[in-house]
Amino acid sequence: MRNFVFGVILTLVVLILICVGVALLGFVPTNANVAPPRWEQHIANAALDASMERHARRTSNPLPPTDDTIIDGMKLYTMNCAGCHGDLNRKEQAFGRSFYPPAPQLILDPLDDPDWHIYYAVRTGVRYTGMPAWEKNLSDSDIWKVTAFLTHIEKLSPAVQQYWKKSFGVDPPPQRGEGEEKEEHHHD
């Protein structure tokens, strides 16, 4: 039995060393101008979600989702996030799509994550994606305003929808009705 366990452990160590060797010898592609394979996207997104589940404090946005808060978040998003994640004109950003993995286009495909998840991602950034940590550039209050905007893109009040249209010349994304659930979105 002891030889069997030793054989299993030795096999695992050899496999790990082979994988490390393949990577260190340059056989793993590192170019960012191709779409990530589905298995890579799945593993990376599962790891991201698991890390956030483990490390992010589950807290609700301390700012009420008033029109002013959401409009302030919209302005902050436009100045700091739109270059990678899509402008409010509802057109895909080529720059954000050139990242590996591509930056999610948050106006075209709004997030369905809870406040604490979005806040944590904005505040601390996401390794190996190009998403910086904004905690040294934006105040806590500003990060929560961006979070409020991102969590309400499909639930904007008529006043905020009007502001969007007047300021950016296009209608906001279609709005969900009260109690209407967004179809389940998985990070893959």
N, C-alpha and C. Protein backbone atom coordinates (compact mmCIF):
# COMPACT_ATOMS: atom_id res chain seq x y z
N MET A 1 0.84 -1.20 0.00
CA MET A 1 0.00 0.00 0.00
C MET A 1 0.88 1.25 0.00
N ARG A 2 1.97 1.20 0.78
CA ARG A 2 2.86 2.36 0.87
C ARG A 2 3.49 2.64 -0.50
N ASN A 3 3.83 1.62 -1.24
CA ASN A 3 4.40 1.80 -2.58
C ASN A 3 3.38 2.42 -3.54
N PHE A 4 2.13 2.05 -3.40
CA PHE A 4 1.07 2.60 -4.25
C PHE A 4 0.94 4.11 -4.01
N VAL A 5 0.85 4.51 -2.74
CA VAL A 5 0.73 5.93 -2.39
C VAL A 5 1.95 6.69 -2.90
N PHE A 6 3.14 6.11 -2.69
CA PHE A 6 4.36 6.74 -3.18
C PHE A 6 4.32 6.89 -4.70
N GLY A 7 3.83 5.88 -5.41
CA GLY A 7 3.71 5.93 -6.86
C GLY A 7 2.76 7.02 -7.33
N VAL A 8 1.64 7.17 -6.64
CA VAL A 8 0.67 8.23 -6.99
C VAL A 8 1.29 9.60 -6.77
N ILE A 9 1.94 9.78 -5.63
CA ILE A 9 2.57 11.07 -5.33
C ILE A 9 3.67 11.38 -6.33
N LEU A 10 4.50 10.39 -6.63
CA LEU A 10 5.59 10.58 -7.60
C LEU A 10 5.03 10.93 -8.98
N THR A 11 3.96 10.26 -9.39
CA THR A 11 3.33 10.56 -10.68
C THR A 11 2.82 11.99 -10.72
N LEU A 12 2.17 12.44 -9.65
CA LEU A 12 1.67 13.82 -9.60
C LEU A 12 2.80 14.83 -9.66
N VAL A 13 3.87 14.58 -8.93
CA VAL A 13 5.03 15.48 -8.93
C VAL A 13 5.63 15.55 -10.34
N VAL A 14 5.78 14.42 -11.00
CA VAL A 14 6.34 14.39 -12.35
C VAL A 14 5.43 15.16 -13.32
N LEU A 15 4.12 14.97 -13.22
CA LEU A 15 3.18 15.71 -14.08
C LEU A 15 3.28 17.21 -13.86
N ILE A 16 3.37 17.62 -12.61
CA ILE A 16 3.50 19.05 -12.30
C ILE A 16 4.80 19.59 -12.88
N LEU A 17 5.89 18.85 -12.71
CA LEU A 17 7.18 19.30 -13.25
C LEU A 17 7.15 19.37 -14.78
N ILE A 18 6.47 18.46 -15.43
CA ILE A 18 6.34 18.51 -16.89
C ILE A 18 5.57 19.76 -17.30
N CYS A 19 4.47 20.05 -16.62
CA CYS A 19 3.67 21.24 -16.93
C CYS A 19 4.48 22.52 -16.73
N VAL A 20 5.21 22.61 -15.64
CA VAL A 20 6.05 23.77 -15.38
C VAL A 20 7.13 23.87 -16.44
N GLY A 21 7.74 22.75 -16.80
CA GLY A 21 8.77 22.75 -17.83
C GLY A 21 8.24 23.22 -19.16
N VAL A 22 7.08 22.73 -19.56
CA VAL A 22 6.46 23.15 -20.82
C VAL A 22 6.25 24.67 -20.81
N ALA A 23 5.76 25.19 -19.70
CA ALA A 23 5.52 26.64 -19.60
C ALA A 23 6.83 27.42 -19.64
N LEU A 24 7.81 26.99 -18.87
CA LEU A 24 9.08 27.72 -18.80
C LEU A 24 9.90 27.63 -20.08
N LEU A 25 9.66 26.61 -20.88
CA LEU A 25 10.37 26.48 -22.15
C LEU A 25 9.68 27.24 -23.29
N GLY A 26 8.58 27.93 -22.97
CA GLY A 26 7.93 28.78 -23.95
C GLY A 26 6.93 28.09 -24.85
N PHE A 27 6.48 26.91 -24.49
CA PHE A 27 5.51 26.20 -25.33
C PHE A 27 4.07 26.65 -25.09
N VAL A 28 3.83 27.42 -24.02
CA VAL A 28 2.49 27.93 -23.74
C VAL A 28 2.37 29.30 -24.41
N PRO A 29 1.40 29.49 -25.31
CA PRO A 29 1.28 30.78 -26.00
C PRO A 29 0.90 31.89 -25.02
N THR A 30 1.48 33.06 -25.25
CA THR A 30 1.19 34.21 -24.38
C THR A 30 0.62 35.39 -25.17
N ASN A 31 0.36 35.19 -26.46
CA ASN A 31 -0.16 36.30 -27.25
C ASN A 31 -1.58 36.65 -26.82
N ALA A 32 -1.88 37.95 -26.88
CA ALA A 32 -3.18 38.44 -26.45
C ALA A 32 -4.11 38.76 -27.61
N ASN A 33 -3.73 38.42 -28.83
CA ASN A 33 -4.55 38.78 -29.98
C ASN A 33 -5.42 37.63 -30.48
N VAL A 34 -5.68 36.66 -29.60
CA VAL A 34 -6.59 35.56 -29.92
C VAL A 34 -7.58 35.40 -28.77
N ALA A 35 -8.71 34.81 -29.07
CA ALA A 35 -9.70 34.58 -28.01
C ALA A 35 -9.21 33.47 -27.08
N PRO A 36 -9.41 33.63 -25.77
CA PRO A 36 -9.02 32.57 -24.85
C PRO A 36 -9.86 31.32 -25.10
N PRO A 37 -9.25 30.13 -24.97
CA PRO A 37 -10.07 28.92 -25.10
C PRO A 37 -11.13 28.85 -24.00
N ARG A 38 -12.22 28.17 -24.27
CA ARG A 38 -13.33 28.10 -23.30
C ARG A 38 -12.88 27.51 -21.97
N TRP A 39 -12.03 26.48 -22.01
CA TRP A 39 -11.58 25.86 -20.76
C TRP A 39 -10.80 26.87 -19.92
N GLU A 40 -10.00 27.71 -20.59
CA GLU A 40 -9.23 28.73 -19.86
C GLU A 40 -10.15 29.77 -19.25
N GLN A 41 -11.14 30.22 -20.04
CA GLN A 41 -12.13 31.18 -19.53
C GLN A 41 -12.87 30.59 -18.32
N HIS A 42 -13.27 29.36 -18.44
CA HIS A 42 -14.03 28.71 -17.37
C HIS A 42 -13.20 28.62 -16.09
N ILE A 43 -11.97 28.15 -16.21
CA ILE A 43 -11.11 28.03 -15.02
C ILE A 43 -10.82 29.39 -14.42
N ALA A 44 -10.49 30.38 -15.26
CA ALA A 44 -10.16 31.71 -14.75
C ALA A 44 -11.35 32.36 -14.06
N ASN A 45 -12.54 32.25 -14.66
CA ASN A 45 -13.73 32.86 -14.05
C ASN A 45 -14.14 32.13 -12.77
N ALA A 46 -14.00 30.82 -12.75
CA ALA A 46 -14.31 30.06 -11.53
C ALA A 46 -13.34 30.46 -10.41
N ALA A 47 -12.06 30.62 -10.75
CA ALA A 47 -11.07 31.04 -9.75
C ALA A 47 -11.37 32.45 -9.26
N LEU A 48 -11.74 33.35 -10.16
CA LEU A 48 -12.08 34.72 -9.78
C LEU A 48 -13.27 34.74 -8.83
N ASP A 49 -14.33 34.04 -9.20
CA ASP A 49 -15.52 34.01 -8.35
C ASP A 49 -15.21 33.38 -6.99
N ALA A 50 -14.43 32.30 -6.98
CA ALA A 50 -14.08 31.65 -5.71
C ALA A 50 -13.24 32.57 -4.84
N SER A 51 -12.32 33.30 -5.44
CA SER A 51 -11.50 34.24 -4.68
C SER A 51 -12.34 35.36 -4.08
N MET A 52 -13.26 35.88 -4.87
CA MET A 52 -14.12 36.94 -4.35
C MET A 52 -15.02 36.42 -3.25
N GLU A 53 -15.53 35.22 -3.42
CA GLU A 53 -16.36 34.62 -2.37
C GLU A 53 -15.57 34.51 -1.06
N ARG A 54 -14.30 34.20 -1.18
CA ARG A 54 -13.46 34.00 0.01
C ARG A 54 -12.99 35.32 0.63
N HIS A 55 -12.66 36.32 -0.20
CA HIS A 55 -11.99 37.51 0.30
C HIS A 55 -12.85 38.76 0.42
N ALA A 56 -13.87 38.89 -0.39
CA ALA A 56 -14.66 40.13 -0.39
C ALA A 56 -15.65 40.15 0.77
N ARG A 57 -15.70 41.32 1.42
CA ARG A 57 -16.67 41.51 2.49
C ARG A 57 -18.05 41.70 1.88
N ARG A 58 -19.01 40.95 2.35
CA ARG A 58 -20.37 41.08 1.83
C ARG A 58 -21.06 42.25 2.51
N THR A 59 -21.13 43.31 1.77
CA THR A 59 -21.74 44.51 2.31
C THR A 59 -22.60 45.15 1.24
N SER A 60 -23.62 45.81 1.67
CA SER A 60 -24.50 46.51 0.73
C SER A 60 -23.95 47.91 0.49
N ASN A 61 -24.32 48.45 -0.62
CA ASN A 61 -23.90 49.80 -0.95
C ASN A 61 -24.44 50.76 0.11
N PRO A 62 -23.55 51.51 0.77
CA PRO A 62 -24.02 52.44 1.80
C PRO A 62 -24.72 53.67 1.21
N LEU A 63 -24.58 53.88 -0.09
CA LEU A 63 -25.22 55.03 -0.74
C LEU A 63 -26.57 54.60 -1.30
N PRO A 64 -27.61 55.35 -0.99
CA PRO A 64 -28.92 54.99 -1.57
C PRO A 64 -28.89 55.20 -3.08
N PRO A 65 -29.60 54.37 -3.83
CA PRO A 65 -29.57 54.46 -5.30
C PRO A 65 -30.44 55.61 -5.82
N THR A 66 -30.14 56.83 -5.38
CA THR A 66 -30.90 57.99 -5.84
C THR A 66 -30.47 58.35 -7.26
N ASP A 67 -31.25 59.18 -7.91
CA ASP A 67 -30.89 59.64 -9.25
C ASP A 67 -29.52 60.31 -9.24
N ASP A 68 -29.25 61.16 -8.23
CA ASP A 68 -27.97 61.85 -8.16
C ASP A 68 -26.80 60.88 -8.01
N THR A 69 -26.96 59.86 -7.17
CA THR A 69 -25.90 58.87 -6.97
C THR A 69 -25.62 58.13 -8.27
N ILE A 70 -26.67 57.71 -8.95
CA ILE A 70 -26.50 56.94 -10.18
C ILE A 70 -25.93 57.82 -11.30
N ILE A 71 -26.36 59.06 -11.40
CA ILE A 71 -25.79 59.97 -12.40
C ILE A 71 -24.32 60.25 -12.09
N ASP A 72 -23.98 60.46 -10.82
CA ASP A 72 -22.57 60.63 -10.44
C ASP A 72 -21.77 59.39 -10.82
N GLY A 73 -22.32 58.21 -10.57
CA GLY A 73 -21.65 56.96 -10.94
C GLY A 73 -21.48 56.86 -12.45
N MET A 74 -22.49 57.31 -13.19
CA MET A 74 -22.42 57.30 -14.65
C MET A 74 -21.29 58.20 -15.14
N LYS A 75 -21.15 59.37 -14.54
CA LYS A 75 -20.08 60.30 -14.92
C LYS A 75 -18.71 59.69 -14.59
N LEU A 76 -18.58 59.11 -13.41
CA LEU A 76 -17.31 58.47 -13.01
C LEU A 76 -16.98 57.31 -13.94
N TYR A 77 -17.98 56.52 -14.29
CA TYR A 77 -17.80 55.41 -15.22
C TYR A 77 -17.29 55.94 -16.56
N THR A 78 -17.91 57.00 -17.06
CA THR A 78 -17.52 57.57 -18.35
C THR A 78 -16.07 58.03 -18.32
N MET A 79 -15.64 58.66 -17.23
CA MET A 79 -14.28 59.18 -17.15
C MET A 79 -13.23 58.10 -16.90
N ASN A 80 -13.58 57.05 -16.18
CA ASN A 80 -12.57 56.09 -15.73
C ASN A 80 -12.70 54.68 -16.31
N CYS A 81 -13.88 54.28 -16.73
CA CYS A 81 -14.12 52.88 -17.09
C CYS A 81 -14.46 52.68 -18.56
N ALA A 82 -15.08 53.68 -19.17
CA ALA A 82 -15.64 53.51 -20.51
C ALA A 82 -14.61 53.16 -21.57
N GLY A 83 -13.37 53.62 -21.41
CA GLY A 83 -12.34 53.33 -22.41
C GLY A 83 -12.12 51.84 -22.62
N CYS A 84 -12.29 51.07 -21.57
CA CYS A 84 -12.11 49.61 -21.67
C CYS A 84 -13.44 48.86 -21.72
N HIS A 85 -14.41 49.32 -20.92
CA HIS A 85 -15.64 48.55 -20.71
C HIS A 85 -16.83 49.02 -21.55
N GLY A 86 -16.62 49.99 -22.42
CA GLY A 86 -17.69 50.42 -23.31
C GLY A 86 -18.30 51.74 -22.90
N ASP A 87 -18.39 52.64 -23.86
CA ASP A 87 -18.94 53.97 -23.63
C ASP A 87 -20.46 53.90 -23.56
N LEU A 88 -21.05 54.96 -23.10
CA LEU A 88 -22.50 54.99 -22.95
C LEU A 88 -23.21 55.11 -24.30
N ASN A 89 -22.46 55.23 -25.39
CA ASN A 89 -23.07 55.25 -26.71
C ASN A 89 -23.48 53.86 -27.17
N ARG A 90 -23.22 52.86 -26.29
CA ARG A 90 -23.62 51.47 -26.51
C ARG A 90 -22.91 50.83 -27.70
N LYS A 91 -21.67 51.27 -27.93
CA LYS A 91 -20.84 50.65 -28.96
C LYS A 91 -19.69 49.95 -28.26
N GLU A 92 -19.31 48.80 -28.77
CA GLU A 92 -18.21 48.04 -28.20
C GLU A 92 -16.90 48.82 -28.32
N GLN A 93 -16.08 48.75 -27.30
CA GLN A 93 -14.78 49.41 -27.31
C GLN A 93 -13.73 48.44 -27.83
N ALA A 94 -13.11 48.79 -28.96
CA ALA A 94 -12.07 47.93 -29.53
C ALA A 94 -10.89 47.81 -28.58
N PHE A 95 -10.57 48.89 -27.86
CA PHE A 95 -9.44 48.85 -26.93
C PHE A 95 -9.67 47.79 -25.85
N GLY A 96 -10.86 47.77 -25.27
CA GLY A 96 -11.17 46.80 -24.23
C GLY A 96 -11.19 45.37 -24.75
N ARG A 97 -11.55 45.21 -26.02
CA ARG A 97 -11.58 43.88 -26.62
C ARG A 97 -10.18 43.38 -26.96
N SER A 98 -9.18 44.29 -26.94
CA SER A 98 -7.81 43.87 -27.26
C SER A 98 -7.09 43.29 -26.05
N PHE A 99 -7.69 43.38 -24.87
CA PHE A 99 -7.10 42.78 -23.66
C PHE A 99 -7.25 41.27 -23.72
N TYR A 100 -6.43 40.59 -22.93
CA TYR A 100 -6.54 39.13 -22.82
C TYR A 100 -6.64 38.79 -21.35
N PRO A 101 -7.77 38.35 -20.88
CA PRO A 101 -9.02 38.19 -21.62
C PRO A 101 -9.65 39.55 -21.93
N PRO A 102 -10.53 39.60 -22.94
CA PRO A 102 -11.16 40.87 -23.29
C PRO A 102 -11.93 41.46 -22.10
N ALA A 103 -11.86 42.78 -21.98
CA ALA A 103 -12.61 43.46 -20.92
C ALA A 103 -14.10 43.31 -21.19
N PRO A 104 -14.89 42.96 -20.17
CA PRO A 104 -16.33 42.85 -20.40
C PRO A 104 -16.92 44.20 -20.82
N GLN A 105 -17.83 44.17 -21.76
CA GLN A 105 -18.49 45.37 -22.23
C GLN A 105 -19.74 45.58 -21.37
N LEU A 106 -19.60 46.39 -20.33
CA LEU A 106 -20.59 46.47 -19.26
C LEU A 106 -21.88 47.19 -19.64
N ILE A 107 -21.85 47.97 -20.69
CA ILE A 107 -23.08 48.63 -21.15
C ILE A 107 -23.87 47.68 -22.04
N LEU A 108 -23.16 46.95 -22.90
CA LEU A 108 -23.82 46.00 -23.80
C LEU A 108 -24.27 44.74 -23.06
N ASP A 109 -23.53 44.34 -22.04
CA ASP A 109 -23.84 43.13 -21.28
C ASP A 109 -23.72 43.45 -19.79
N PRO A 110 -24.74 44.12 -19.23
CA PRO A 110 -24.66 44.57 -17.83
C PRO A 110 -24.42 43.41 -16.85
N LEU A 111 -23.72 43.75 -15.79
CA LEU A 111 -23.41 42.76 -14.76
C LEU A 111 -24.66 42.34 -14.00
N ASP A 112 -24.62 41.13 -13.45
CA ASP A 112 -25.70 40.67 -12.59
C ASP A 112 -25.15 40.27 -11.22
N ASP A 113 -23.94 40.74 -10.93
CA ASP A 113 -23.30 40.42 -9.65
C ASP A 113 -23.83 41.33 -8.55
N PRO A 114 -23.75 40.88 -7.30
CA PRO A 114 -24.18 41.72 -6.18
C PRO A 114 -23.24 42.91 -5.98
N ASP A 115 -23.72 43.91 -5.26
CA ASP A 115 -22.95 45.13 -4.99
C ASP A 115 -21.54 44.82 -4.48
N TRP A 116 -21.46 43.96 -3.47
CA TRP A 116 -20.17 43.71 -2.84
C TRP A 116 -19.17 43.12 -3.82
N HIS A 117 -19.63 42.32 -4.76
CA HIS A 117 -18.76 41.69 -5.76
C HIS A 117 -18.19 42.74 -6.70
N ILE A 118 -19.04 43.62 -7.21
CA ILE A 118 -18.61 44.67 -8.13
C ILE A 118 -17.69 45.65 -7.41
N TYR A 119 -18.09 46.06 -6.22
CA TYR A 119 -17.28 46.99 -5.43
C TYR A 119 -15.87 46.43 -5.21
N TYR A 120 -15.79 45.16 -4.83
CA TYR A 120 -14.50 44.53 -4.55
C TYR A 120 -13.64 44.47 -5.81
N ALA A 121 -14.24 44.12 -6.95
CA ALA A 121 -13.48 44.05 -8.20
C ALA A 121 -12.95 45.42 -8.60
N VAL A 122 -13.76 46.46 -8.44
CA VAL A 122 -13.32 47.82 -8.79
C VAL A 122 -12.24 48.29 -7.81
N ARG A 123 -12.47 48.08 -6.53
CA ARG A 123 -11.54 48.56 -5.51
C ARG A 123 -10.19 47.87 -5.59
N THR A 124 -10.18 46.54 -5.74
CA THR A 124 -8.92 45.79 -5.66
C THR A 124 -8.37 45.39 -7.02
N GLY A 125 -9.13 45.54 -8.10
CA GLY A 125 -8.67 45.12 -9.42
C GLY A 125 -8.73 43.61 -9.58
N VAL A 126 -8.34 43.14 -10.75
CA VAL A 126 -8.35 41.71 -11.05
C VAL A 126 -7.02 41.38 -11.73
N ARG A 127 -6.24 40.56 -11.07
CA ARG A 127 -4.92 40.18 -11.59
C ARG A 127 -4.98 39.58 -12.99
N TYR A 128 -3.93 39.84 -13.75
CA TYR A 128 -3.73 39.24 -15.07
C TYR A 128 -4.82 39.57 -16.08
N THR A 129 -5.56 40.65 -15.84
CA THR A 129 -6.61 41.03 -16.79
C THR A 129 -6.43 42.44 -17.32
N GLY A 130 -5.61 43.24 -16.70
CA GLY A 130 -5.51 44.64 -17.05
C GLY A 130 -6.43 45.51 -16.22
N MET A 131 -7.30 44.91 -15.41
CA MET A 131 -8.22 45.67 -14.55
C MET A 131 -7.43 46.17 -13.33
N PRO A 132 -7.21 47.51 -13.26
CA PRO A 132 -6.43 48.03 -12.13
C PRO A 132 -7.25 48.11 -10.85
N ALA A 133 -6.55 48.23 -9.75
CA ALA A 133 -7.20 48.50 -8.47
C ALA A 133 -7.43 50.01 -8.41
N TRP A 134 -8.67 50.42 -8.20
CA TRP A 134 -9.01 51.84 -8.20
C TRP A 134 -8.97 52.46 -6.81
N GLU A 135 -8.64 51.71 -5.78
CA GLU A 135 -8.70 52.22 -4.42
C GLU A 135 -7.78 53.41 -4.16
N LYS A 136 -6.73 53.57 -4.93
CA LYS A 136 -5.82 54.71 -4.73
C LYS A 136 -6.16 55.88 -5.65
N ASN A 137 -7.08 55.67 -6.59
CA ASN A 137 -7.45 56.72 -7.54
C ASN A 137 -8.85 57.28 -7.33
N LEU A 138 -9.72 56.49 -6.77
CA LEU A 138 -11.09 56.91 -6.49
C LEU A 138 -11.37 56.77 -5.00
N SER A 139 -12.19 57.64 -4.49
CA SER A 139 -12.58 57.53 -3.08
C SER A 139 -13.52 56.33 -2.92
N ASP A 140 -13.67 55.89 -1.70
CA ASP A 140 -14.60 54.80 -1.42
C ASP A 140 -16.01 55.16 -1.89
N SER A 141 -16.39 56.40 -1.63
CA SER A 141 -17.71 56.87 -2.04
C SER A 141 -17.87 56.81 -3.57
N ASP A 142 -16.82 57.22 -4.29
CA ASP A 142 -16.89 57.19 -5.76
C ASP A 142 -16.98 55.76 -6.28
N ILE A 143 -16.26 54.83 -5.66
CA ILE A 143 -16.35 53.43 -6.08
C ILE A 143 -17.77 52.91 -5.86
N TRP A 144 -18.38 53.31 -4.75
CA TRP A 144 -19.77 52.88 -4.50
C TRP A 144 -20.73 53.52 -5.51
N LYS A 145 -20.45 54.76 -5.95
CA LYS A 145 -21.30 55.40 -6.96
C LYS A 145 -21.21 54.64 -8.29
N VAL A 146 -20.00 54.27 -8.69
CA VAL A 146 -19.84 53.47 -9.91
C VAL A 146 -20.59 52.15 -9.76
N THR A 147 -20.46 51.54 -8.58
CA THR A 147 -21.16 50.28 -8.31
C THR A 147 -22.67 50.47 -8.44
N ALA A 148 -23.19 51.56 -7.89
CA ALA A 148 -24.63 51.84 -7.99
C ALA A 148 -25.06 51.97 -9.45
N PHE A 149 -24.25 52.68 -10.23
CA PHE A 149 -24.58 52.82 -11.66
C PHE A 149 -24.59 51.45 -12.34
N LEU A 150 -23.53 50.66 -12.11
CA LEU A 150 -23.43 49.37 -12.79
C LEU A 150 -24.53 48.39 -12.39
N THR A 151 -24.99 48.48 -11.15
CA THR A 151 -26.05 47.55 -10.72
C THR A 151 -27.44 48.05 -11.10
N HIS A 152 -27.53 49.26 -11.61
CA HIS A 152 -28.85 49.81 -11.97
C HIS A 152 -28.99 50.14 -13.46
N ILE A 153 -28.03 49.73 -14.28
CA ILE A 153 -28.08 50.05 -15.71
C ILE A 153 -29.41 49.65 -16.34
N GLU A 154 -29.97 48.53 -15.93
CA GLU A 154 -31.23 48.07 -16.51
C GLU A 154 -32.45 48.45 -15.67
N LYS A 155 -32.23 49.30 -14.66
CA LYS A 155 -33.34 49.70 -13.77
C LYS A 155 -33.28 51.20 -13.50
N LEU A 156 -33.00 51.99 -14.53
CA LEU A 156 -32.84 53.43 -14.36
C LEU A 156 -34.19 54.13 -14.26
N SER A 157 -34.23 55.14 -13.41
CA SER A 157 -35.45 55.94 -13.31
C SER A 157 -35.61 56.75 -14.59
N PRO A 158 -36.83 57.24 -14.86
CA PRO A 158 -37.03 58.07 -16.07
C PRO A 158 -36.10 59.29 -16.11
N ALA A 159 -35.82 59.92 -14.96
CA ALA A 159 -34.93 61.09 -14.93
C ALA A 159 -33.51 60.71 -15.35
N VAL A 160 -33.02 59.56 -14.88
CA VAL A 160 -31.67 59.13 -15.24
C VAL A 160 -31.63 58.71 -16.71
N GLN A 161 -32.68 58.05 -17.19
CA GLN A 161 -32.74 57.68 -18.61
C GLN A 161 -32.71 58.94 -19.48
N GLN A 162 -33.42 59.96 -19.05
CA GLN A 162 -33.45 61.22 -19.80
C GLN A 162 -32.06 61.87 -19.79
N TYR A 163 -31.39 61.87 -18.64
CA TYR A 163 -30.04 62.42 -18.54
C TYR A 163 -29.11 61.67 -19.49
N TRP A 164 -29.19 60.35 -19.50
CA TRP A 164 -28.36 59.52 -20.38
C TRP A 164 -28.56 59.94 -21.83
N LYS A 165 -29.83 60.00 -22.25
CA LYS A 165 -30.14 60.32 -23.65
C LYS A 165 -29.68 61.73 -24.00
N LYS A 166 -29.91 62.68 -23.11
CA LYS A 166 -29.52 64.07 -23.36
C LYS A 166 -28.00 64.22 -23.40
N SER A 167 -27.30 63.54 -22.52
CA SER A 167 -25.85 63.69 -22.41
C SER A 167 -25.08 62.90 -23.46
N PHE A 168 -25.60 61.75 -23.88
CA PHE A 168 -24.83 60.87 -24.74
C PHE A 168 -25.48 60.62 -26.10
N GLY A 169 -26.67 61.19 -26.31
CA GLY A 169 -27.30 61.12 -27.61
C GLY A 169 -27.88 59.77 -28.01
N VAL A 170 -27.92 58.84 -27.08
CA VAL A 170 -28.52 57.53 -27.36
C VAL A 170 -29.37 57.11 -26.17
N ASP A 171 -30.30 56.22 -26.44
CA ASP A 171 -31.11 55.68 -25.36
C ASP A 171 -30.26 54.74 -24.51
N PRO A 172 -30.57 54.66 -23.22
CA PRO A 172 -29.90 53.65 -22.39
C PRO A 172 -30.36 52.25 -22.81
N PRO A 173 -29.68 51.22 -22.29
CA PRO A 173 -30.12 49.85 -22.61
C PRO A 173 -31.57 49.65 -22.20
N PRO A 174 -32.24 48.66 -22.78
CA PRO A 174 -33.63 48.38 -22.40
C PRO A 174 -33.71 48.16 -20.89
N GLN A 175 -34.78 48.66 -20.32
CA GLN A 175 -34.98 48.57 -18.88
C GLN A 175 -35.82 47.36 -18.54
N ARG A 176 -35.48 46.73 -17.42
CA ARG A 176 -36.28 45.60 -16.92
C ARG A 176 -37.40 46.15 -16.08
N GLY A 177 -38.54 45.51 -16.18
CA GLY A 177 -39.68 45.91 -15.37
C GLY A 177 -39.50 45.51 -13.92
N GLU A 178 -40.28 46.08 -13.05
CA GLU A 178 -40.23 45.77 -11.61
C GLU A 178 -40.45 44.28 -11.39
N GLY A 179 -39.56 43.64 -10.68
CA GLY A 179 -39.68 42.23 -10.36
C GLY A 179 -39.25 41.30 -11.48
N GLU A 180 -38.98 41.86 -12.66
CA GLU A 180 -38.54 41.05 -13.79
C GLU A 180 -37.08 40.66 -13.58
N GLU A 181 -36.80 39.40 -13.68
CA GLU A 181 -35.45 38.89 -13.44
C GLU A 181 -34.67 38.85 -14.74
N LYS A 182 -33.41 39.17 -14.65
CA LYS A 182 -32.52 39.04 -15.78
C LYS A 182 -32.19 37.56 -15.94
N GLU A 183 -32.05 37.11 -17.18
CA GLU A 183 -31.69 35.72 -17.38
C GLU A 183 -30.33 35.47 -16.74
N GLU A 184 -30.15 34.28 -16.23
CA GLU A 184 -28.93 33.92 -15.52
C GLU A 184 -27.71 34.12 -16.41
N HIS A 185 -26.71 34.81 -15.87
CA HIS A 185 -25.48 35.08 -16.59
C HIS A 185 -24.34 34.39 -15.88
N HIS A 186 -23.62 33.61 -16.61
CA HIS A 186 -22.47 32.90 -16.02
C HIS A 186 -21.20 33.47 -16.62
N HIS A 187 -20.16 33.56 -15.82
CA HIS A 187 -18.86 34.04 -16.29
C HIS A 187 -18.18 32.93 -17.07
N ASP A 188 -18.43 32.85 -18.33
CA ASP A 188 -17.71 31.87 -19.12
C ASP A 188 -17.44 32.48 -20.46
